[in-house]
Amino acid sequence: MKASVFVGTSLDGFIARLNGAFDFLPPGGGEPHGYDEFMASVDTLVVGRKTFETVVGLKEWPYSKKRVVVLSSQPLDLSRVRGGVVEQMSGSPPEIAAKLEATGSRHVYVDGGITIQRFLRAGLIQRITITRVPVLIGEGIPLFGVLPRDIKLRHLGTQSYPSGLVKTEYEVLG
């Protein structure tokens, strides 16, 4: 099973403000920059509880009929999801990955700051795509937290867009 990250950040490396808001990101994701093609390659999304709470509050469920797994050890109200396929799991990243693989997941999109950090520390992410937005917000929720060791990456490519978005893709080497 392959696990990937596709995330937008401020230029100073934050995925959201301290209150969880991501109002500094371009409306609707901005100009096309590969997200739709990435989503077409994914069969399962793994998100943390905080990301789920943010997304479920949006006007429309953004993940269509893709399988969404919300990680939380606390009970969640999944009845608020309109038109989505959502389930809850708990456990360590290796346990979650094993469950996903055993139930047919082939390409997993890992999203949410803490969830990305946990899967990255466990060595379960193979590819990272970061789209930097040309804004400095000064403080917020960082994409990367403390790591127990260096994680080596191989640069696959960088593309800039007229709006100032800059997308960089990496393969995680370990």
C-alpha atoms as a PDB file:
ATOM      1  CA  MET A   1       0.000   0.000   0.000  1.00  0.00           C
ATOM      2  CA  LYS A   2       1.222   3.489  -0.885  1.00  0.00           C
ATOM      3  CA  ALA A   3       0.643   6.464   1.449  1.00  0.00           C
ATOM      4  CA  SER A   4       0.991  10.056   0.248  1.00  0.00           C
ATOM      5  CA  VAL A   5       0.665  13.576   1.592  1.00  0.00           C
ATOM      6  CA  PHE A   6      -0.649  16.458  -0.531  1.00  0.00           C
ATOM      7  CA  VAL A   7      -0.859  19.622   1.527  1.00  0.00           C
ATOM      8  CA  GLY A   8      -0.885  23.392   1.288  1.00  0.00           C
ATOM      9  CA  THR A   9       1.165  25.528   3.661  1.00  0.00           C
ATOM     10  CA  SER A  10       1.982  29.143   4.260  1.00  0.00           C
ATOM     11  CA  LEU A  11       5.489  30.079   3.147  1.00  0.00           C
ATOM     12  CA  ASP A  12       6.559  29.839   6.788  1.00  0.00           C
ATOM     13  CA  GLY A  13       5.422  26.197   6.975  1.00  0.00           C
ATOM     14  CA  PHE A  14       2.019  26.301   8.690  1.00  0.00           C
ATOM     15  CA  ILE A  15      -0.957  24.203   7.548  1.00  0.00           C
ATOM     16  CA  ALA A  16      -3.461  26.179   9.635  1.00  0.00           C
ATOM     17  CA  ARG A  17      -3.708  29.006  12.104  1.00  0.00           C
ATOM     18  CA  LEU A  18      -3.554  28.186  15.836  1.00  0.00           C
ATOM     19  CA  ASN A  19      -7.380  28.104  15.900  1.00  0.00           C
ATOM     20  CA  GLY A  20      -7.440  25.588  13.013  1.00  0.00           C
ATOM     21  CA  ALA A  21      -8.525  28.081  10.348  1.00  0.00           C
ATOM     22  CA  PHE A  22      -6.934  27.822   6.931  1.00  0.00           C
ATOM     23  CA  ASP A  23      -8.343  31.075   5.549  1.00  0.00           C
ATOM     24  CA  PHE A  24      -4.933  32.022   4.139  1.00  0.00           C
ATOM     25  CA  LEU A  25      -5.199  29.260   1.523  1.00  0.00           C
ATOM     26  CA  PRO A  26      -6.629  30.305  -1.863  1.00  0.00           C
ATOM     27  CA  PRO A  27     -10.430  29.875  -2.151  1.00  0.00           C
ATOM     28  CA  GLY A  28     -11.250  26.526  -3.735  1.00  0.00           C
ATOM     29  CA  GLY A  29      -7.577  25.567  -3.659  1.00  0.00           C
ATOM     30  CA  GLY A  30      -6.589  28.265  -6.134  1.00  0.00           C
ATOM     31  CA  GLU A  31      -5.644  27.541  -9.705  1.00  0.00           C
ATOM     32  CA  PRO A  32      -5.287  23.902 -10.810  1.00  0.00           C
ATOM     33  CA  HIS A  33      -2.015  22.545  -9.388  1.00  0.00           C
ATOM     34  CA  GLY A  34      -2.399  18.767  -9.498  1.00  0.00           C
ATOM     35  CA  TYR A  35      -4.789  18.198  -6.584  1.00  0.00           C
ATOM     36  CA  ASP A  36      -7.615  16.807  -8.745  1.00  0.00           C
ATOM     37  CA  GLU A  37      -5.241  14.399 -10.490  1.00  0.00           C
ATOM     38  CA  PHE A  38      -3.809  13.361  -7.114  1.00  0.00           C
ATOM     39  CA  MET A  39      -7.298  12.753  -5.695  1.00  0.00           C
ATOM     40  CA  ALA A  40      -8.175  10.623  -8.731  1.00  0.00           C
ATOM     41  CA  SER A  41      -5.255   8.308  -7.824  1.00  0.00           C
ATOM     42  CA  VAL A  42      -6.368   7.884  -4.191  1.00  0.00           C
ATOM     43  CA  ASP A  43      -8.866   5.307  -2.939  1.00  0.00           C
ATOM     44  CA  THR A  44      -8.746   6.073   0.813  1.00  0.00           C
ATOM     45  CA  LEU A  45      -8.218   9.153   2.949  1.00  0.00           C
ATOM     46  CA  VAL A  46      -6.915   8.978   6.513  1.00  0.00           C
ATOM     47  CA  VAL A  47      -7.566  12.089   8.580  1.00  0.00           C
ATOM     48  CA  GLY A  48      -7.321  13.000  12.220  1.00  0.00           C
ATOM     49  CA  ARG A  49     -10.269  14.049  14.370  1.00  0.00           C
ATOM     50  CA  LYS A  50      -9.464  17.785  14.162  1.00  0.00           C
ATOM     51  CA  THR A  51      -9.263  17.687  10.365  1.00  0.00           C
ATOM     52  CA  PHE A  52     -12.536  15.748  10.252  1.00  0.00           C
ATOM     53  CA  GLU A  53     -14.252  18.311  12.496  1.00  0.00           C
ATOM     54  CA  THR A  54     -13.088  21.104  10.186  1.00  0.00           C
ATOM     55  CA  VAL A  55     -14.087  19.325   6.973  1.00  0.00           C
ATOM     56  CA  VAL A  56     -17.493  18.136   8.191  1.00  0.00           C
ATOM     57  CA  GLY A  57     -18.376  21.792   8.829  1.00  0.00           C
ATOM     58  CA  LEU A  58     -17.873  22.764   5.171  1.00  0.00           C
ATOM     59  CA  LYS A  59     -20.904  23.401   2.942  1.00  0.00           C
ATOM     60  CA  GLU A  60     -20.215  20.289   0.870  1.00  0.00           C
ATOM     61  CA  TRP A  61     -18.419  17.043   1.677  1.00  0.00           C
ATOM     62  CA  PRO A  62     -15.175  17.463  -0.318  1.00  0.00           C
ATOM     63  CA  TYR A  63     -14.219  13.812  -0.720  1.00  0.00           C
ATOM     64  CA  SER A  64     -17.140  12.555  -2.819  1.00  0.00           C
ATOM     65  CA  LYS A  65     -17.623   8.806  -2.342  1.00  0.00           C
ATOM     66  CA  LYS A  66     -14.022   8.014  -1.423  1.00  0.00           C
ATOM     67  CA  ARG A  67     -13.482   5.982   1.711  1.00  0.00           C
ATOM     68  CA  VAL A  68     -12.539   8.296   4.586  1.00  0.00           C
ATOM     69  CA  VAL A  69     -11.061   6.897   7.785  1.00  0.00           C
ATOM     70  CA  VAL A  70     -11.104   9.223  10.773  1.00  0.00           C
ATOM     71  CA  LEU A  71      -8.537   8.449  13.459  1.00  0.00           C
ATOM     72  CA  SER A  72      -9.812   8.998  16.980  1.00  0.00           C
ATOM     73  CA  SER A  73      -9.952   7.046  20.209  1.00  0.00           C
ATOM     74  CA  GLN A  74     -13.042   9.062  21.220  1.00  0.00           C
ATOM     75  CA  PRO A  75     -16.516   8.395  19.779  1.00  0.00           C
ATOM     76  CA  LEU A  76     -17.359  10.578  16.767  1.00  0.00           C
ATOM     77  CA  ASP A  77     -20.696  11.721  15.382  1.00  0.00           C
ATOM     78  CA  LEU A  78     -20.450  10.503  11.782  1.00  0.00           C
ATOM     79  CA  SER A  79     -24.127  11.290  11.095  1.00  0.00           C
ATOM     80  CA  ARG A  80     -23.151  14.873  10.128  1.00  0.00           C
ATOM     81  CA  VAL A  81     -21.419  13.573   6.985  1.00  0.00           C
ATOM     82  CA  ARG A  82     -23.630  14.204   3.978  1.00  0.00           C
ATOM     83  CA  GLY A  83     -22.951  11.863   1.080  1.00  0.00           C
ATOM     84  CA  GLY A  84     -19.628  10.464   2.241  1.00  0.00           C
ATOM     85  CA  VAL A  85     -18.293   7.039   3.139  1.00  0.00           C
ATOM     86  CA  VAL A  86     -16.754   7.543   6.576  1.00  0.00           C
ATOM     87  CA  GLU A  87     -15.565   5.176   9.290  1.00  0.00           C
ATOM     88  CA  GLN A  88     -13.577   5.526  12.470  1.00  0.00           C
ATOM     89  CA  MET A  89     -10.404   3.682  13.475  1.00  0.00           C
ATOM     90  CA  SER A  90      -7.934   3.933  16.302  1.00  0.00           C
ATOM     91  CA  GLY A  91      -4.496   2.489  16.915  1.00  0.00           C
ATOM     92  CA  SER A  92      -0.909   3.133  15.999  1.00  0.00           C
ATOM     93  CA  PRO A  93      -0.041   4.111  12.408  1.00  0.00           C
ATOM     94  CA  PRO A  94       1.341   0.600  11.646  1.00  0.00           C
ATOM     95  CA  GLU A  95      -1.889  -0.970  12.965  1.00  0.00           C
ATOM     96  CA  ILE A  96      -4.006   1.431  10.911  1.00  0.00           C
ATOM     97  CA  ALA A  97      -1.917   0.786   7.773  1.00  0.00           C
ATOM     98  CA  ALA A  98      -2.278  -2.983   8.233  1.00  0.00           C
ATOM     99  CA  LYS A  99      -6.078  -2.667   8.605  1.00  0.00           C
ATOM    100  CA  LEU A 100      -6.306  -0.465   5.537  1.00  0.00           C
ATOM    101  CA  GLU A 101      -4.201  -2.793   3.423  1.00  0.00           C
ATOM    102  CA  ALA A 102      -6.183  -5.837   4.631  1.00  0.00           C
ATOM    103  CA  THR A 103      -9.420  -4.131   3.548  1.00  0.00           C
ATOM    104  CA  GLY A 104      -8.219  -3.290   0.042  1.00  0.00           C
ATOM    105  CA  SER A 105      -6.723   0.190   0.255  1.00  0.00           C
ATOM    106  CA  ARG A 106      -4.021   0.677  -2.388  1.00  0.00           C
ATOM    107  CA  HIS A 107      -3.262   4.426  -2.293  1.00  0.00           C
ATOM    108  CA  VAL A 108      -3.940   6.341   0.911  1.00  0.00           C
ATOM    109  CA  TYR A 109      -4.017  10.120   1.250  1.00  0.00           C
ATOM    110  CA  VAL A 110      -2.850  11.026   4.768  1.00  0.00           C
ATOM    111  CA  ASP A 111      -4.085  14.459   5.879  1.00  0.00           C
ATOM    112  CA  GLY A 112      -4.041  16.557   9.032  1.00  0.00           C
ATOM    113  CA  GLY A 113      -1.003  17.848  10.917  1.00  0.00           C
ATOM    114  CA  ILE A 114      -0.723  15.327  13.749  1.00  0.00           C
ATOM    115  CA  THR A 115      -1.778  12.427  11.515  1.00  0.00           C
ATOM    116  CA  ILE A 116       0.849  13.311   8.895  1.00  0.00           C
ATOM    117  CA  GLN A 117       3.502  13.632  11.611  1.00  0.00           C
ATOM    118  CA  ARG A 118       2.625  10.255  13.195  1.00  0.00           C
ATOM    119  CA  PHE A 119       2.623   8.384   9.864  1.00  0.00           C
ATOM    120  CA  LEU A 120       5.862  10.072   8.795  1.00  0.00           C
ATOM    121  CA  ARG A 121       7.607   9.160  12.087  1.00  0.00           C
ATOM    122  CA  ALA A 122       6.425   5.559  11.612  1.00  0.00           C
ATOM    123  CA  GLY A 123       8.013   5.405   8.143  1.00  0.00           C
ATOM    124  CA  LEU A 124       4.664   4.927   6.370  1.00  0.00           C
ATOM    125  CA  ILE A 125       4.682   7.891   3.948  1.00  0.00           C
ATOM    126  CA  GLN A 126       6.233   7.319   0.511  1.00  0.00           C
ATOM    127  CA  ARG A 127       5.490  10.651  -1.179  1.00  0.00           C
ATOM    128  CA  ILE A 128       5.016  14.245  -0.010  1.00  0.00           C
ATOM    129  CA  THR A 129       3.653  17.068  -2.146  1.00  0.00           C
ATOM    130  CA  ILE A 130       3.710  20.518  -0.558  1.00  0.00           C
ATOM    131  CA  THR A 131       2.129  23.536  -2.194  1.00  0.00           C
ATOM    132  CA  ARG A 132       3.403  26.744  -0.627  1.00  0.00           C
ATOM    133  CA  VAL A 133       1.100  29.746  -0.658  1.00  0.00           C
ATOM    134  CA  PRO A 134       2.805  33.147  -0.921  1.00  0.00           C
ATOM    135  CA  VAL A 135       1.815  34.385   2.546  1.00  0.00           C
ATOM    136  CA  LEU A 136       3.530  34.538   5.925  1.00  0.00           C
ATOM    137  CA  ILE A 137       1.170  34.013   8.875  1.00  0.00           C
ATOM    138  CA  GLY A 138       3.763  34.108  11.673  1.00  0.00           C
ATOM    139  CA  GLU A 139       2.348  31.322  13.821  1.00  0.00           C
ATOM    140  CA  GLY A 140       0.096  28.330  13.438  1.00  0.00           C
ATOM    141  CA  ILE A 141       0.022  24.560  13.240  1.00  0.00           C
ATOM    142  CA  PRO A 142       3.278  23.368  11.663  1.00  0.00           C
ATOM    143  CA  LEU A 143       3.318  20.721   8.967  1.00  0.00           C
ATOM    144  CA  PHE A 144       6.289  18.976  10.538  1.00  0.00           C
ATOM    145  CA  GLY A 145       6.881  18.529  14.243  1.00  0.00           C
ATOM    146  CA  VAL A 146       9.751  17.104  16.218  1.00  0.00           C
ATOM    147  CA  LEU A 147      11.321  14.068  14.569  1.00  0.00           C
ATOM    148  CA  PRO A 148      13.292  11.319  16.303  1.00  0.00           C
ATOM    149  CA  ARG A 149      15.739  11.219  13.379  1.00  0.00           C
ATOM    150  CA  ASP A 150      16.422  12.791  10.019  1.00  0.00           C
ATOM    151  CA  ILE A 151      14.083  11.686   7.250  1.00  0.00           C
ATOM    152  CA  LYS A 152      15.811  11.804   3.886  1.00  0.00           C
ATOM    153  CA  LEU A 153      13.864  12.941   0.857  1.00  0.00           C
ATOM    154  CA  ARG A 154      14.518  12.868  -2.872  1.00  0.00           C
ATOM    155  CA  HIS A 155      13.339  15.934  -4.788  1.00  0.00           C
ATOM    156  CA  LEU A 156      11.095  14.888  -7.678  1.00  0.00           C
ATOM    157  CA  GLY A 157      10.143  18.279  -9.038  1.00  0.00           C
ATOM    158  CA  THR A 158       9.036  21.828  -8.377  1.00  0.00           C
ATOM    159  CA  GLN A 159       6.505  23.849 -10.311  1.00  0.00           C
ATOM    160  CA  SER A 160       5.464  27.479  -9.864  1.00  0.00           C
ATOM    161  CA  TYR A 161       2.125  28.966 -10.866  1.00  0.00           C
ATOM    162  CA  PRO A 162       1.063  32.491 -11.941  1.00  0.00           C
ATOM    163  CA  SER A 163      -0.666  33.138  -8.585  1.00  0.00           C
ATOM    164  CA  GLY A 164       2.593  32.497  -6.746  1.00  0.00           C
ATOM    165  CA  LEU A 165       1.785  28.957  -5.600  1.00  0.00           C
ATOM    166  CA  VAL A 166       4.882  26.737  -5.605  1.00  0.00           C
ATOM    167  CA  LYS A 167       4.382  22.963  -5.586  1.00  0.00           C
ATOM    168  CA  THR A 168       7.264  20.654  -4.672  1.00  0.00           C
ATOM    169  CA  GLU A 169       7.149  16.872  -4.716  1.00  0.00           C
ATOM    170  CA  TYR A 170       9.402  14.515  -2.745  1.00  0.00           C
ATOM    171  CA  GLU A 171       9.903  10.790  -2.432  1.00  0.00           C
ATOM    172  CA  VAL A 172      10.520   9.718   1.157  1.00  0.00           C
ATOM    173  CA  LEU A 173      13.705   7.651   1.317  1.00  0.00           C
ATOM    174  CA  GLY A 174      13.630   6.948   5.034  1.00  0.00           C
END
